[in-house]
Amino acid sequence: MAKANLGDSEVKHRLATHLVPWDELANAGPYAEGDAEKVQREYTAFLAARAQVVSWAIRRLCDGREP
């Protein structure tokens, strides 16, 4: 399978359609052995950001609008 070269804007768009926060994902890592605290901290930040995005989308849907 050939490697796709989509570019940042297309990747950001595709992740946004799945309610995945780009900044937290892109800024995470790299990780080395023994980085459990860093992984936990960054994963917690990612989950908080995703919760905000999902909450925003749900509120829009409940108001009869599209996310």
Protein backbone atom coordinates (compact mmCIF):
# COMPACT_ATOMS: atom_id res chain seq x y z
CA MET A 1 0.00 0.00 0.00
CA ALA A 2 1.35 3.42 -0.93
CA LYS A 3 1.85 6.05 1.73
CA ALA A 4 -0.65 8.92 1.54
CA ASN A 5 0.62 12.47 1.70
CA LEU A 6 -2.53 14.32 2.69
CA GLY A 7 -1.04 17.40 4.31
CA ASP A 8 -1.89 18.90 7.68
CA SER A 9 -5.08 20.68 6.60
CA GLU A 10 -6.67 17.50 5.22
CA VAL A 11 -5.66 15.48 8.28
CA LYS A 12 -7.08 18.22 10.55
CA HIS A 13 -10.32 18.20 8.56
CA ARG A 14 -10.68 14.42 8.69
CA LEU A 15 -10.01 14.33 12.43
CA ALA A 16 -12.48 17.17 13.02
CA THR A 17 -15.22 15.19 11.26
CA HIS A 18 -14.66 12.51 13.92
CA LEU A 19 -14.59 15.08 16.75
CA VAL A 20 -10.89 14.48 17.43
CA PRO A 21 -9.01 17.57 18.70
CA TRP A 22 -5.99 18.14 16.46
CA ASP A 23 -3.82 20.23 18.78
CA GLU A 24 -3.81 17.78 21.66
CA LEU A 25 -3.15 14.87 19.32
CA ALA A 26 -0.43 16.62 17.31
CA ASN A 27 1.38 17.96 20.37
CA ALA A 28 1.47 14.64 22.25
CA GLY A 29 4.64 12.58 22.52
CA PRO A 30 7.09 11.38 21.58
CA TYR A 31 7.29 8.93 24.42
CA ALA A 32 10.12 6.88 25.82
CA GLU A 33 10.18 4.13 28.37
CA GLY A 34 9.40 5.60 31.76
CA ASP A 35 7.15 8.38 30.39
CA ALA A 36 3.99 7.04 32.04
CA GLU A 37 3.27 10.35 33.80
CA LYS A 38 3.68 12.30 30.57
CA VAL A 39 1.42 9.86 28.71
CA GLN A 40 -1.22 10.12 31.46
CA ARG A 41 -1.05 13.92 31.52
CA GLU A 42 -1.33 14.25 27.74
CA TYR A 43 -4.06 11.62 27.48
CA THR A 44 -6.06 13.39 30.17
CA ALA A 45 -5.69 16.69 28.27
CA PHE A 46 -6.77 14.95 25.05
CA LEU A 47 -9.86 13.47 26.72
CA ALA A 48 -10.82 16.85 28.21
CA ALA A 49 -10.47 18.55 24.83
CA ARG A 50 -12.47 15.80 23.12
CA ALA A 51 -15.18 16.06 25.76
CA GLN A 52 -15.52 19.77 24.96
CA VAL A 53 -15.79 19.09 21.22
CA VAL A 54 -18.35 16.31 21.70
CA SER A 55 -20.35 18.46 24.13
CA TRP A 56 -20.40 21.31 21.59
CA ALA A 57 -21.61 18.96 18.84
CA ILE A 58 -24.32 17.46 21.05
CA ARG A 59 -25.61 20.91 22.04
CA ARG A 60 -25.82 21.91 18.37
CA LEU A 61 -27.67 18.71 17.48
CA CYS A 62 -30.10 19.20 20.37
CA ASP A 63 -30.78 22.73 19.09
CA GLY A 64 -31.67 21.28 15.67
CA ARG A 65 -28.46 22.42 14.00
CA GLU A 66 -25.63 20.50 12.41
CA PRO A 67 -22.31 20.27 14.22
